[in-house]
Each structure stands twice: as structure tokens, then as C-alpha cells.
Amino acid sequence: MFHLTQKGKALTGTAGPPEQQWRIDKGAVNTGKATFEVQQPNGPLFKLTLTIVKERLQGEMTGERDGIVPRPRQNRRRESEVSAHRG
């Protein structure tokens, strides 16, 4: 959940579940795109890049802990496995 306030190109507010909101840092809005960071105490730093589409925010979020950004997991079968299942 986000509580956002935009003043010009500056974006401020909070993010997180309703029972625990964290301050937004480095918030900016530029050409329909919002970017900001949220640091959880004793948790990961989340970096968000969101685009405003039909009055909704859509986009990407990455998490970083101790300078390490986990790689997204791929869940795809190799082409040979797909061919074998086609019969």
C-alpha cells in the first residue's frame, strides 16, 4: 500500500502493509514515471520504478540487502524438454 504526495517533481509518502508503513526516500516523478526507495528497518532496501497507466501505478520493484540484489528466478523449460512433451 502506498500513501503518496506529489509536489512538482518531488514524491513523498509511505509504503508497506497497512499496519507497518515506511518512509519513501529519493522520490521523484518525471514524464509519467515515479521512482522511489523504501528502506525497511533491519530489512531490504526496495527500489521502485512505476509508470502511471490509466490512473494506476504499474512497474518494477527490486530488493537489495547488504549491497546484494537477488537475481529473478526463471521458470522455463529448455526447448528440448518442451519438444519431448509435445510427442
C-alpha atoms as a PDB file:
ATOM      1  CA  MET A   1       0.000   0.000   0.000  1.00  0.00           C
ATOM      2  CA  PHE A   2       1.258   3.451  -0.881  1.00  0.00           C
ATOM      3  CA  HIS A   3       0.409   6.852   0.560  1.00  0.00           C
ATOM      4  CA  LEU A   4       1.953   9.276  -1.933  1.00  0.00           C
ATOM      5  CA  THR A   5       2.093  13.048  -2.248  1.00  0.00           C
ATOM      6  CA  GLN A   6       3.429  14.758  -5.351  1.00  0.00           C
ATOM      7  CA  LYS A   7       4.600  18.381  -5.303  1.00  0.00           C
ATOM      8  CA  GLY A   8       6.006  19.285  -8.679  1.00  0.00           C
ATOM      9  CA  LYS A   9       8.549  16.579  -9.451  1.00  0.00           C
ATOM     10  CA  ALA A  10       9.065  15.619  -5.782  1.00  0.00           C
ATOM     11  CA  LEU A  11       7.361  12.492  -4.435  1.00  0.00           C
ATOM     12  CA  THR A  12       6.980  11.850  -0.698  1.00  0.00           C
ATOM     13  CA  GLY A  13       4.932   9.483   1.438  1.00  0.00           C
ATOM     14  CA  THR A  14       4.985   5.989   2.875  1.00  0.00           C
ATOM     15  CA  ALA A  15       4.783   2.403   1.601  1.00  0.00           C
ATOM     16  CA  GLY A  16       4.190  -1.010   3.107  1.00  0.00           C
ATOM     17  CA  PRO A  17       1.384  -3.035   4.633  1.00  0.00           C
ATOM     18  CA  PRO A  18      -1.358  -1.059   6.434  1.00  0.00           C
ATOM     19  CA  GLU A  19      -0.034  -1.991   9.891  1.00  0.00           C
ATOM     20  CA  GLN A  20       3.581  -1.013   9.104  1.00  0.00           C
ATOM     21  CA  GLN A  21       4.386   1.888   6.772  1.00  0.00           C
ATOM     22  CA  TRP A  22       7.933   3.020   5.912  1.00  0.00           C
ATOM     23  CA  ARG A  23       9.057   6.424   4.631  1.00  0.00           C
ATOM     24  CA  ILE A  24       9.687   6.885   0.915  1.00  0.00           C
ATOM     25  CA  ASP A  25      13.134   8.270   0.051  1.00  0.00           C
ATOM     26  CA  LYS A  26      14.560   9.691  -3.189  1.00  0.00           C
ATOM     27  CA  GLY A  27      11.046  10.065  -4.603  1.00  0.00           C
ATOM     28  CA  ALA A  28      10.664  11.742  -7.981  1.00  0.00           C
ATOM     29  CA  VAL A  29       8.132  11.977 -10.786  1.00  0.00           C
ATOM     30  CA  ASN A  30       9.296  12.630 -14.323  1.00  0.00           C
ATOM     31  CA  THR A  31       7.363  12.203 -17.587  1.00  0.00           C
ATOM     32  CA  GLY A  32       4.674   9.939 -16.117  1.00  0.00           C
ATOM     33  CA  LYS A  33       7.166   7.760 -14.247  1.00  0.00           C
ATOM     34  CA  ALA A  34       7.555   7.624 -10.454  1.00  0.00           C
ATOM     35  CA  THR A  35      10.772   6.392  -8.822  1.00  0.00           C
ATOM     36  CA  PHE A  36      11.472   5.974  -5.124  1.00  0.00           C
ATOM     37  CA  GLU A  37      13.166   3.850  -2.481  1.00  0.00           C
ATOM     38  CA  VAL A  38      11.806   2.293   0.712  1.00  0.00           C
ATOM     39  CA  GLN A  39      14.196   1.036   3.410  1.00  0.00           C
ATOM     40  CA  GLN A  40      12.770  -1.416   5.915  1.00  0.00           C
ATOM     41  CA  PRO A  41      14.487  -1.308   9.310  1.00  0.00           C
ATOM     42  CA  ASN A  42      16.593  -4.484   9.534  1.00  0.00           C
ATOM     43  CA  GLY A  43      15.307  -5.439   6.087  1.00  0.00           C
ATOM     44  CA  PRO A  44      15.922  -4.950   2.397  1.00  0.00           C
ATOM     45  CA  LEU A  45      16.051  -1.678   0.501  1.00  0.00           C
ATOM     46  CA  PHE A  46      13.329  -1.671  -2.146  1.00  0.00           C
ATOM     47  CA  LYS A  47      13.739   0.403  -5.302  1.00  0.00           C
ATOM     48  CA  LEU A  48      10.606   1.048  -7.315  1.00  0.00           C
ATOM     49  CA  THR A  49      10.090   2.387 -10.817  1.00  0.00           C
ATOM     50  CA  LEU A  50       6.413   2.832 -11.590  1.00  0.00           C
ATOM     51  CA  THR A  51       4.586   4.220 -14.606  1.00  0.00           C
ATOM     52  CA  ILE A  52       1.234   5.908 -14.341  1.00  0.00           C
ATOM     53  CA  VAL A  53      -1.168   3.980 -16.612  1.00  0.00           C
ATOM     54  CA  LYS A  54      -4.888   4.797 -16.591  1.00  0.00           C
ATOM     55  CA  GLU A  55      -4.614   6.326 -13.100  1.00  0.00           C
ATOM     56  CA  ARG A  56      -2.842   3.210 -11.753  1.00  0.00           C
ATOM     57  CA  LEU A  57       0.817   2.622 -10.881  1.00  0.00           C
ATOM     58  CA  GLN A  58       2.461  -0.281 -12.702  1.00  0.00           C
ATOM     59  CA  GLY A  59       6.111  -1.242 -12.861  1.00  0.00           C
ATOM     60  CA  GLU A  60       9.080  -2.911 -11.257  1.00  0.00           C
ATOM     61  CA  MET A  61      10.420  -3.344  -7.758  1.00  0.00           C
ATOM     62  CA  THR A  62      13.855  -4.656  -6.834  1.00  0.00           C
ATOM     63  CA  GLY A  63      15.127  -5.510  -3.377  1.00  0.00           C
ATOM     64  CA  GLU A  64      18.671  -5.166  -2.076  1.00  0.00           C
ATOM     65  CA  ARG A  65      20.172  -6.348   1.188  1.00  0.00           C
ATOM     66  CA  ASP A  66      23.752  -5.620   2.252  1.00  0.00           C
ATOM     67  CA  GLY A  67      24.513  -4.463  -1.298  1.00  0.00           C
ATOM     68  CA  ILE A  68      23.326  -7.742  -2.847  1.00  0.00           C
ATOM     69  CA  VAL A  69      20.497  -7.709  -5.394  1.00  0.00           C
ATOM     70  CA  PRO A  70      18.950 -11.170  -5.814  1.00  0.00           C
ATOM     71  CA  ARG A  71      18.530 -12.338  -9.376  1.00  0.00           C
ATOM     72  CA  PRO A  72      14.974 -13.050 -10.507  1.00  0.00           C
ATOM     73  CA  ARG A  73      14.298 -16.744 -10.908  1.00  0.00           C
ATOM     74  CA  GLN A  74      13.431 -18.086 -14.308  1.00  0.00           C
ATOM     75  CA  ASN A  75      10.856 -20.841 -14.567  1.00  0.00           C
ATOM     76  CA  ARG A  76      11.185 -22.001 -18.136  1.00  0.00           C
ATOM     77  CA  ARG A  77      11.822 -25.407 -19.589  1.00  0.00           C
ATOM     78  CA  ARG A  78      14.551 -25.940 -22.120  1.00  0.00           C
ATOM     79  CA  GLU A  79      13.346 -26.277 -25.712  1.00  0.00           C
ATOM     80  CA  SER A  80      14.351 -29.990 -25.771  1.00  0.00           C
ATOM     81  CA  GLU A  81      12.074 -30.656 -22.779  1.00  0.00           C
ATOM     82  CA  VAL A  82       9.194 -28.809 -24.440  1.00  0.00           C
ATOM     83  CA  SER A  83       9.683 -30.798 -27.685  1.00  0.00           C
ATOM     84  CA  ALA A  84       9.755 -34.124 -25.804  1.00  0.00           C
ATOM     85  CA  HIS A  85       6.416 -33.330 -24.164  1.00  0.00           C
ATOM     86  CA  ARG A  86       4.761 -32.470 -27.484  1.00  0.00           C
ATOM     87  CA  GLY A  87       5.104 -36.075 -28.571  1.00  0.00           C
END
